[in-house]
Amino acid sequence: MRTQTPQPRQPLQIFVLNVPEFAPLTEAARQLPSCRVEARGDYTVISSDVPIAFERRALGLKPAVWYGLFTGGLDGRIESYERDIVRIAPRA
């Protein structure tokens, strides 16, 4: 019997538009050891191989900005998106 090697997960990616309103998200990601942050034109891409979470109040975001966090795009799975916390994971 042959065992198959599991395929590596695709890292999650959050595409953040480079505007002042979303800067707290980018800065918070820079502080997380599990995140990689890379500038790509008008966007900053936050990548991680493991689930990550952000808290709205810790970021200092108003609800309208909070609910628009992923307008730049997301490649991953939203596990939880509540009023004050979001948890995102790589796709399984």
PDB file of N, CA and C in Angstrom:
ATOM      1  N   MET A   1       0.844  -1.177   0.000  1.00  0.00           N
ATOM      2  CA  MET A   1       0.000   0.000   0.000  1.00  0.00           C
ATOM      3  C   MET A   1       0.892   1.244   0.000  1.00  0.00           C
ATOM      4  N   ARG A   2       0.542   2.163  -0.819  1.00  0.00           N
ATOM      5  CA  ARG A   2       1.330   3.384  -0.958  1.00  0.00           C
ATOM      6  C   ARG A   2       0.640   4.531  -0.237  1.00  0.00           C
ATOM      7  N   THR A   3       1.396   5.242   0.555  1.00  0.00           N
ATOM      8  CA  THR A   3       0.839   6.395   1.260  1.00  0.00           C
ATOM      9  C   THR A   3       1.128   7.651   0.451  1.00  0.00           C
ATOM     10  N   GLN A   4       0.113   8.479   0.329  1.00  0.00           N
ATOM     11  CA  GLN A   4       0.302   9.730  -0.392  1.00  0.00           C
ATOM     12  C   GLN A   4       0.802  10.803   0.553  1.00  0.00           C
ATOM     13  N   THR A   5       1.703  11.593   0.047  1.00  0.00           N
ATOM     14  CA  THR A   5       2.205  12.722   0.815  1.00  0.00           C
ATOM     15  C   THR A   5       1.160  13.825   0.775  1.00  0.00           C
ATOM     16  N   PRO A   6       0.790  14.372   1.940  1.00  0.00           N
ATOM     17  CA  PRO A   6      -0.201  15.453   1.920  1.00  0.00           C
ATOM     18  C   PRO A   6       0.328  16.661   1.157  1.00  0.00           C
ATOM     19  N   GLN A   7      -0.562  17.286   0.426  1.00  0.00           N
ATOM     20  CA  GLN A   7      -0.197  18.484  -0.316  1.00  0.00           C
ATOM     21  C   GLN A   7      -0.038  19.654   0.654  1.00  0.00           C
ATOM     22  N   PRO A   8       0.991  20.476   0.441  1.00  0.00           N
ATOM     23  CA  PRO A   8       1.137  21.638   1.325  1.00  0.00           C
ATOM     24  C   PRO A   8      -0.028  22.597   1.129  1.00  0.00           C
ATOM     25  N   ARG A   9      -0.397  23.256   2.204  1.00  0.00           N
ATOM     26  CA  ARG A   9      -1.477  24.245   2.137  1.00  0.00           C
ATOM     27  C   ARG A   9      -1.012  25.486   1.409  1.00  0.00           C
ATOM     28  N   GLN A  10      -1.953  26.091   0.737  1.00  0.00           N
ATOM     29  CA  GLN A  10      -1.712  27.401   0.142  1.00  0.00           C
ATOM     30  C   GLN A  10      -1.801  28.407   1.281  1.00  0.00           C
ATOM     31  N   PRO A  11      -0.818  29.290   1.457  1.00  0.00           N
ATOM     32  CA  PRO A  11      -0.928  30.262   2.548  1.00  0.00           C
ATOM     33  C   PRO A  11      -2.128  31.183   2.339  1.00  0.00           C
ATOM     34  N   LEU A  12      -2.695  31.641   3.427  1.00  0.00           N
ATOM     35  CA  LEU A  12      -3.764  32.626   3.306  1.00  0.00           C
ATOM     36  C   LEU A  12      -3.136  33.941   2.877  1.00  0.00           C
ATOM     37  N   GLN A  13      -3.879  34.714   2.122  1.00  0.00           N
ATOM     38  CA  GLN A  13      -3.416  36.025   1.686  1.00  0.00           C
ATOM     39  C   GLN A  13      -4.558  37.020   1.820  1.00  0.00           C
ATOM     40  N   ILE A  14      -4.242  38.156   2.418  1.00  0.00           N
ATOM     41  CA  ILE A  14      -5.188  39.261   2.529  1.00  0.00           C
ATOM     42  C   ILE A  14      -4.599  40.408   1.719  1.00  0.00           C
ATOM     43  N   PHE A  15      -5.362  40.911   0.763  1.00  0.00           N
ATOM     44  CA  PHE A  15      -4.918  42.009  -0.083  1.00  0.00           C
ATOM     45  C   PHE A  15      -5.513  43.297   0.484  1.00  0.00           C
ATOM     46  N   VAL A  16      -4.643  44.132   1.030  1.00  0.00           N
ATOM     47  CA  VAL A  16      -5.073  45.340   1.735  1.00  0.00           C
ATOM     48  C   VAL A  16      -4.748  46.567   0.880  1.00  0.00           C
ATOM     49  N   LEU A  17      -5.770  47.322   0.532  1.00  0.00           N
ATOM     50  CA  LEU A  17      -5.567  48.550  -0.227  1.00  0.00           C
ATOM     51  C   LEU A  17      -4.747  49.525   0.617  1.00  0.00           C
ATOM     52  N   ASN A  18      -3.749  50.139   0.001  1.00  0.00           N
ATOM     53  CA  ASN A  18      -2.887  51.082   0.720  1.00  0.00           C
ATOM     54  C   ASN A  18      -3.577  52.432   0.893  1.00  0.00           C
ATOM     55  N   VAL A  19      -4.463  52.495   1.871  1.00  0.00           N
ATOM     56  CA  VAL A  19      -5.115  53.747   2.252  1.00  0.00           C
ATOM     57  C   VAL A  19      -4.975  53.878   3.769  1.00  0.00           C
ATOM     58  N   PRO A  20      -4.981  55.097   4.292  1.00  0.00           N
ATOM     59  CA  PRO A  20      -4.776  55.291   5.732  1.00  0.00           C
ATOM     60  C   PRO A  20      -5.755  54.507   6.612  1.00  0.00           C
ATOM     61  N   GLU A  21      -6.984  54.328   6.142  1.00  0.00           N
ATOM     62  CA  GLU A  21      -7.991  53.639   6.961  1.00  0.00           C
ATOM     63  C   GLU A  21      -7.598  52.197   7.279  1.00  0.00           C
ATOM     64  N   PHE A  22      -6.872  51.536   6.371  1.00  0.00           N
ATOM     65  CA  PHE A  22      -6.498  50.136   6.580  1.00  0.00           C
ATOM     66  C   PHE A  22      -5.075  49.961   7.119  1.00  0.00           C
ATOM     67  N   ALA A  23      -4.341  51.047   7.319  1.00  0.00           N
ATOM     68  CA  ALA A  23      -2.964  50.969   7.811  1.00  0.00           C
ATOM     69  C   ALA A  23      -2.842  50.225   9.146  1.00  0.00           C
ATOM     70  N   PRO A  24      -3.790  50.371  10.087  1.00  0.00           N
ATOM     71  CA  PRO A  24      -3.656  49.631  11.349  1.00  0.00           C
ATOM     72  C   PRO A  24      -3.622  48.107  11.159  1.00  0.00           C
ATOM     73  N   LEU A  25      -4.334  47.599  10.160  1.00  0.00           N
ATOM     74  CA  LEU A  25      -4.315  46.157   9.894  1.00  0.00           C
ATOM     75  C   LEU A  25      -2.927  45.726   9.423  1.00  0.00           C
ATOM     76  N   THR A  26      -2.365  46.473   8.504  1.00  0.00           N
ATOM     77  CA  THR A  26      -1.030  46.164   7.992  1.00  0.00           C
ATOM     78  C   THR A  26       0.006  46.229   9.107  1.00  0.00           C
ATOM     79  N   GLU A  27      -0.067  47.254   9.930  1.00  0.00           N
ATOM     80  CA  GLU A  27       0.892  47.393  11.034  1.00  0.00           C
ATOM     81  C   GLU A  27       0.737  46.269  12.056  1.00  0.00           C
ATOM     82  N   ALA A  28      -0.487  45.868  12.345  1.00  0.00           N
ATOM     83  CA  ALA A  28      -0.706  44.761  13.287  1.00  0.00           C
ATOM     84  C   ALA A  28      -0.129  43.468  12.725  1.00  0.00           C
ATOM     85  N   ALA A  29      -0.297  43.239  11.429  1.00  0.00           N
ATOM     86  CA  ALA A  29       0.245  42.026  10.806  1.00  0.00           C
ATOM     87  C   ALA A  29       1.766  42.004  10.882  1.00  0.00           C
ATOM     88  N   ARG A  30       2.397  43.171  10.752  1.00  0.00           N
ATOM     89  CA  ARG A  30       3.867  43.239  10.853  1.00  0.00           C
ATOM     90  C   ARG A  30       4.360  42.784  12.233  1.00  0.00           C
ATOM     91  N   GLN A  31       3.520  42.909  13.242  1.00  0.00           N
ATOM     92  CA  GLN A  31       3.901  42.530  14.607  1.00  0.00           C
ATOM     93  C   GLN A  31       3.705  41.036  14.885  1.00  0.00           C
ATOM     94  N   LEU A  32       3.003  40.336  14.001  1.00  0.00           N
ATOM     95  CA  LEU A  32       2.747  38.906  14.202  1.00  0.00           C
ATOM     96  C   LEU A  32       3.860  38.083  13.558  1.00  0.00           C
ATOM     97  N   PRO A  33       4.554  37.257  14.334  1.00  0.00           N
ATOM     98  CA  PRO A  33       5.651  36.460  13.773  1.00  0.00           C
ATOM     99  C   PRO A  33       5.205  35.516  12.654  1.00  0.00           C
ATOM    100  N   SER A  34       3.947  35.123  12.655  1.00  0.00           N
ATOM    101  CA  SER A  34       3.455  34.181  11.645  1.00  0.00           C
ATOM    102  C   SER A  34       3.084  34.853  10.326  1.00  0.00           C
ATOM    103  N   CYS A  35       3.125  36.183  10.275  1.00  0.00           N
ATOM    104  CA  CYS A  35       2.711  36.909   9.063  1.00  0.00           C
ATOM    105  C   CYS A  35       3.902  37.410   8.262  1.00  0.00           C
ATOM    106  N   ARG A  36       3.709  37.389   6.958  1.00  0.00           N
ATOM    107  CA  ARG A  36       4.640  38.036   6.038  1.00  0.00           C
ATOM    108  C   ARG A  36       3.873  39.197   5.405  1.00  0.00           C
ATOM    109  N   VAL A  37       4.508  40.338   5.301  1.00  0.00           N
ATOM    110  CA  VAL A  37       3.850  41.538   4.765  1.00  0.00           C
ATOM    111  C   VAL A  37       4.690  42.041   3.595  1.00  0.00           C
ATOM    112  N   GLU A  38       4.036  42.185   2.437  1.00  0.00           N
ATOM    113  CA  GLU A  38       4.752  42.539   1.221  1.00  0.00           C
ATOM    114  C   GLU A  38       3.979  43.604   0.442  1.00  0.00           C
ATOM    115  N   ALA A  39       4.675  44.650   0.017  1.00  0.00           N
ATOM    116  CA  ALA A  39       4.053  45.695  -0.803  1.00  0.00           C
ATOM    117  C   ALA A  39       3.947  45.204  -2.241  1.00  0.00           C
ATOM    118  N   ARG A  40       2.760  45.403  -2.843  1.00  0.00           N
ATOM    119  CA  ARG A  40       2.531  45.056  -4.254  1.00  0.00           C
ATOM    120  C   ARG A  40       1.698  46.164  -4.887  1.00  0.00           C
ATOM    121  N   GLY A  41       2.367  47.136  -5.440  1.00  0.00           N
ATOM    122  CA  GLY A  41       1.668  48.241  -6.092  1.00  0.00           C
ATOM    123  C   GLY A  41       0.818  49.018  -5.108  1.00  0.00           C
ATOM    124  N   ASP A  42      -0.469  49.123  -5.392  1.00  0.00           N
ATOM    125  CA  ASP A  42      -1.394  49.867  -4.536  1.00  0.00           C
ATOM    126  C   ASP A  42      -1.894  49.053  -3.349  1.00  0.00           C
ATOM    127  N   TYR A  43      -1.375  47.836  -3.196  1.00  0.00           N
ATOM    128  CA  TYR A  43      -1.829  46.939  -2.130  1.00  0.00           C
ATOM    129  C   TYR A  43      -0.665  46.482  -1.269  1.00  0.00           C
ATOM    130  N   THR A  44      -0.999  46.053  -0.071  1.00  0.00           N
ATOM    131  CA  THR A  44      -0.072  45.330   0.787  1.00  0.00           C
ATOM    132  C   THR A  44      -0.678  43.951   0.956  1.00  0.00           C
ATOM    133  N   VAL A  45       0.138  42.910   0.795  1.00  0.00           N
ATOM    134  CA  VAL A  45      -0.350  41.542   0.926  1.00  0.00           C
ATOM    135  C   VAL A  45       0.150  40.969   2.245  1.00  0.00           C
ATOM    136  N   ILE A  46      -0.797  40.535   3.060  1.00  0.00           N
ATOM    137  CA  ILE A  46      -0.495  39.871   4.327  1.00  0.00           C
ATOM    138  C   ILE A  46      -0.665  38.377   4.071  1.00  0.00           C
ATOM    139  N   SER A  47       0.381  37.592   4.338  1.00  0.00           N
ATOM    140  CA  SER A  47       0.335  36.145   4.121  1.00  0.00           C
ATOM    141  C   SER A  47       0.669  35.420   5.408  1.00  0.00           C
ATOM    142  N   SER A  48       0.089  34.221   5.563  1.00  0.00           N
ATOM    143  CA  SER A  48       0.390  33.387   6.723  1.00  0.00           C
ATOM    144  C   SER A  48       0.081  31.932   6.389  1.00  0.00           C
ATOM    145  N   ASP A  49       0.882  31.035   6.946  1.00  0.00           N
ATOM    146  CA  ASP A  49       0.662  29.599   6.769  1.00  0.00           C
ATOM    147  C   ASP A  49      -0.230  29.024   7.857  1.00  0.00           C
ATOM    148  N   VAL A  50      -0.534  29.829   8.855  1.00  0.00           N
ATOM    149  CA  VAL A  50      -1.357  29.388   9.987  1.00  0.00           C
ATOM    150  C   VAL A  50      -2.512  30.373  10.172  1.00  0.00           C
ATOM    151  N   PRO A  51      -3.568  29.966  10.869  1.00  0.00           N
ATOM    152  CA  PRO A  51      -4.674  30.900  11.128  1.00  0.00           C
ATOM    153  C   PRO A  51      -4.192  32.137  11.891  1.00  0.00           C
ATOM    154  N   ILE A  52      -4.795  33.268  11.582  1.00  0.00           N
ATOM    155  CA  ILE A  52      -4.478  34.515  12.282  1.00  0.00           C
ATOM    156  C   ILE A  52      -5.781  35.199  12.685  1.00  0.00           C
ATOM    157  N   ALA A  53      -5.684  36.060  13.678  1.00  0.00           N
ATOM    158  CA  ALA A  53      -6.862  36.782  14.163  1.00  0.00           C
ATOM    159  C   ALA A  53      -6.498  38.240  14.392  1.00  0.00           C
ATOM    160  N   PHE A  54      -7.489  39.099  14.201  1.00  0.00           N
ATOM    161  CA  PHE A  54      -7.344  40.524  14.465  1.00  0.00           C
ATOM    162  C   PHE A  54      -8.542  40.983  15.275  1.00  0.00           C
ATOM    163  N   GLU A  55      -8.299  41.954  16.163  1.00  0.00           N
ATOM    164  CA  GLU A  55      -9.369  42.512  16.991  1.00  0.00           C
ATOM    165  C   GLU A  55      -9.623  43.957  16.578  1.00  0.00           C
ATOM    166  N   ARG A  56     -10.873  44.263  16.311  1.00  0.00           N
ATOM    167  CA  ARG A  56     -11.254  45.597  15.825  1.00  0.00           C
ATOM    168  C   ARG A  56     -10.817  46.700  16.775  1.00  0.00           C
ATOM    169  N   ARG A  57     -11.136  46.550  18.038  1.00  0.00           N
ATOM    170  CA  ARG A  57     -10.823  47.628  18.991  1.00  0.00           C
ATOM    171  C   ARG A  57      -9.322  47.812  19.165  1.00  0.00           C
ATOM    172  N   ALA A  58      -8.574  46.720  19.140  1.00  0.00           N
ATOM    173  CA  ALA A  58      -7.113  46.824  19.244  1.00  0.00           C
ATOM    174  C   ALA A  58      -6.538  47.565  18.036  1.00  0.00           C
ATOM    175  N   LEU A  59      -7.206  47.430  16.889  1.00  0.00           N
ATOM    176  CA  LEU A  59      -6.767  48.135  15.685  1.00  0.00           C
ATOM    177  C   LEU A  59      -7.260  49.575  15.651  1.00  0.00           C
ATOM    178  N   GLY A  60      -8.224  49.895  16.510  1.00  0.00           N
ATOM    179  CA  GLY A  60      -8.779  51.246  16.544  1.00  0.00           C
ATOM    180  C   GLY A  60      -9.672  51.555  15.352  1.00  0.00           C
ATOM    181  N   LEU A  61     -10.341  50.529  14.818  1.00  0.00           N
ATOM    182  CA  LEU A  61     -11.176  50.721  13.633  1.00  0.00           C
ATOM    183  C   LEU A  61     -12.642  50.903  13.985  1.00  0.00           C
ATOM    184  N   LYS A  62     -13.296  51.792  13.276  1.00  0.00           N
ATOM    185  CA  LYS A  62     -14.743  51.963  13.386  1.00  0.00           C
ATOM    186  C   LYS A  62     -15.402  50.779  12.670  1.00  0.00           C
ATOM    187  N   PRO A  63     -16.647  50.427  13.044  1.00  0.00           N
ATOM    188  CA  PRO A  63     -17.309  49.281  12.411  1.00  0.00           C
ATOM    189  C   PRO A  63     -17.366  49.346  10.881  1.00  0.00           C
ATOM    190  N   ALA A  64     -17.615  50.509  10.303  1.00  0.00           N
ATOM    191  CA  ALA A  64     -17.714  50.603   8.840  1.00  0.00           C
ATOM    192  C   ALA A  64     -16.403  50.198   8.162  1.00  0.00           C
ATOM    193  N   VAL A  65     -15.283  50.605   8.719  1.00  0.00           N
ATOM    194  CA  VAL A  65     -13.981  50.228   8.160  1.00  0.00           C
ATOM    195  C   VAL A  65     -13.722  48.747   8.430  1.00  0.00           C
ATOM    196  N   TRP A  66     -14.058  48.286   9.625  1.00  0.00           N
ATOM    197  CA  TRP A  66     -13.879  46.881  10.018  1.00  0.00           C
ATOM    198  C   TRP A  66     -14.567  45.943   9.024  1.00  0.00           C
ATOM    199  N   TYR A  67     -15.801  46.243   8.677  1.00  0.00           N
ATOM    200  CA  TYR A  67     -16.540  45.365   7.771  1.00  0.00           C
ATOM    201  C   TYR A  67     -16.072  45.487   6.323  1.00  0.00           C
ATOM    202  N   GLY A  68     -15.203  46.449   6.040  1.00  0.00           N
ATOM    203  CA  GLY A  68     -14.639  46.592   4.701  1.00  0.00           C
ATOM    204  C   GLY A  68     -13.212  46.087   4.586  1.00  0.00           C
ATOM    205  N   LEU A  69     -12.714  45.395   5.612  1.00  0.00           N
ATOM    206  CA  LEU A  69     -11.317  44.949   5.617  1.00  0.00           C
ATOM    207  C   LEU A  69     -10.922  44.140   4.392  1.00  0.00           C
ATOM    208  N   PHE A  70     -11.819  43.321   3.879  1.00  0.00           N
ATOM    209  CA  PHE A  70     -11.454  42.392   2.818  1.00  0.00           C
ATOM    210  C   PHE A  70     -11.913  42.842   1.437  1.00  0.00           C
ATOM    211  N   THR A  71     -12.177  44.137   1.278  1.00  0.00           N
ATOM    212  CA  THR A  71     -12.617  44.643  -0.022  1.00  0.00           C
ATOM    213  C   THR A  71     -11.510  44.550  -1.068  1.00  0.00           C
ATOM    214  N   GLY A  72     -10.258  44.464  -0.641  1.00  0.00           N
ATOM    215  CA  GLY A  72      -9.141  44.308  -1.573  1.00  0.00           C
ATOM    216  C   GLY A  72      -8.975  42.882  -2.056  1.00  0.00           C
ATOM    217  N   GLY A  73      -9.569  41.945  -1.345  1.00  0.00           N
ATOM    218  CA  GLY A  73      -9.498  40.540  -1.738  1.00  0.00           C
ATOM    219  C   GLY A  73      -8.920  39.682  -0.629  1.00  0.00           C
ATOM    220  N   LEU A  74      -9.278  38.416  -0.675  1.00  0.00           N
ATOM    221  CA  LEU A  74      -8.842  37.454   0.335  1.00  0.00           C
ATOM    222  C   LEU A  74      -8.717  36.093  -0.329  1.00  0.00           C
ATOM    223  N   ASP A  75      -7.599  35.436  -0.110  1.00  0.00           N
ATOM    224  CA  ASP A  75      -7.427  34.055  -0.541  1.00  0.00           C
ATOM    225  C   ASP A  75      -7.210  33.253   0.726  1.00  0.00           C
ATOM    226  N   GLY A  76      -8.265  32.667   1.221  1.00  0.00           N
ATOM    227  CA  GLY A  76      -8.230  31.935   2.478  1.00  0.00           C
ATOM    228  C   GLY A  76      -9.649  31.637   2.905  1.00  0.00           C
ATOM    229  N   ARG A  77      -9.790  31.290   4.153  1.00  0.00           N
ATOM    230  CA  ARG A  77     -11.099  30.907   4.687  1.00  0.00           C
ATOM    231  C   ARG A  77     -11.377  31.728   5.938  1.00  0.00           C
ATOM    232  N   ILE A  78     -12.505  32.421   5.949  1.00  0.00           N
ATOM    233  CA  ILE A  78     -12.902  33.170   7.138  1.00  0.00           C
ATOM    234  C   ILE A  78     -13.567  32.185   8.089  1.00  0.00           C
ATOM    235  N   GLU A  79     -12.933  31.952   9.229  1.00  0.00           N
ATOM    236  CA  GLU A  79     -13.495  31.030  10.219  1.00  0.00           C
ATOM    237  C   GLU A  79     -14.513  31.722  11.103  1.00  0.00           C
ATOM    238  N   SER A  80     -14.270  33.002  11.379  1.00  0.00           N
ATOM    239  CA  SER A  80     -15.165  33.769  12.240  1.00  0.00           C
ATOM    240  C   SER A  80     -15.007  35.242  11.897  1.00  0.00           C
ATOM    241  N   TYR A  81     -16.140  35.935  11.751  1.00  0.00           N
ATOM    242  CA  TYR A  81     -16.102  37.371  11.459  1.00  0.00           C
ATOM    243  C   TYR A  81     -17.190  38.009  12.299  1.00  0.00           C
ATOM    244  N   GLU A  82     -16.797  38.481  13.456  1.00  0.00           N
ATOM    245  CA  GLU A  82     -17.736  39.068  14.403  1.00  0.00           C
ATOM    246  C   GLU A  82     -17.515  40.571  14.492  1.00  0.00           C
ATOM    247  N   ARG A  83     -18.305  41.208  15.307  1.00  0.00           N
ATOM    248  CA  ARG A  83     -18.215  42.666  15.454  1.00  0.00           C
ATOM    249  C   ARG A  83     -16.829  43.127  15.895  1.00  0.00           C
ATOM    250  N   ASP A  84     -16.150  42.345  16.718  1.00  0.00           N
ATOM    251  CA  ASP A  84     -14.871  42.798  17.265  1.00  0.00           C
ATOM    252  C   ASP A  84     -13.688  41.876  17.008  1.00  0.00           C
ATOM    253  N   ILE A  85     -13.889  40.744  16.348  1.00  0.00           N
ATOM    254  CA  ILE A  85     -12.769  39.846  16.071  1.00  0.00           C
ATOM    255  C   ILE A  85     -13.008  39.099  14.765  1.00  0.00           C
ATOM    256  N   VAL A  86     -11.920  38.896  14.022  1.00  0.00           N
ATOM    257  CA  VAL A  86     -11.979  38.096  12.802  1.00  0.00           C
ATOM    258  C   VAL A  86     -10.856  37.069  12.872  1.00  0.00           C
ATOM    259  N   ARG A  87     -11.169  35.861  12.438  1.00  0.00           N
ATOM    260  CA  ARG A  87     -10.176  34.788  12.391  1.00  0.00           C
ATOM    261  C   ARG A  87     -10.179  34.232  10.970  1.00  0.00           C
ATOM    262  N   ILE A  88      -8.979  34.224  10.349  1.00  0.00           N
ATOM    263  CA  ILE A  88      -8.824  33.784   8.979  1.00  0.00           C
ATOM    264  C   ILE A  88      -7.815  32.643   8.955  1.00  0.00           C
ATOM    265  N   ALA A  89      -8.056  31.642   8.102  1.00  0.00           N
ATOM    266  CA  ALA A  89      -7.170  30.484   8.013  1.00  0.00           C
ATOM    267  C   ALA A  89      -6.858  30.177   6.549  1.00  0.00           C
ATOM    268  N   PRO A  90      -5.740  29.478   6.323  1.00  0.00           N
ATOM    269  CA  PRO A  90      -5.488  29.000   4.963  1.00  0.00           C
ATOM    270  C   PRO A  90      -6.594  28.038   4.550  1.00  0.00           C
ATOM    271  N   ARG A  91      -6.821  27.927   3.264  1.00  0.00           N
ATOM    272  CA  ARG A  91      -7.803  26.949   2.783  1.00  0.00           C
ATOM    273  C   ARG A  91      -7.298  25.554   3.089  1.00  0.00           C
ATOM    274  N   ALA A  92      -8.206  24.669   3.429  1.00  0.00           N
ATOM    275  CA  ALA A  92      -7.822  23.288   3.761  1.00  0.00           C
ATOM    276  C   ALA A  92      -7.489  22.508   2.512  1.00  0.00           C
TER     277      ALA A  92
END
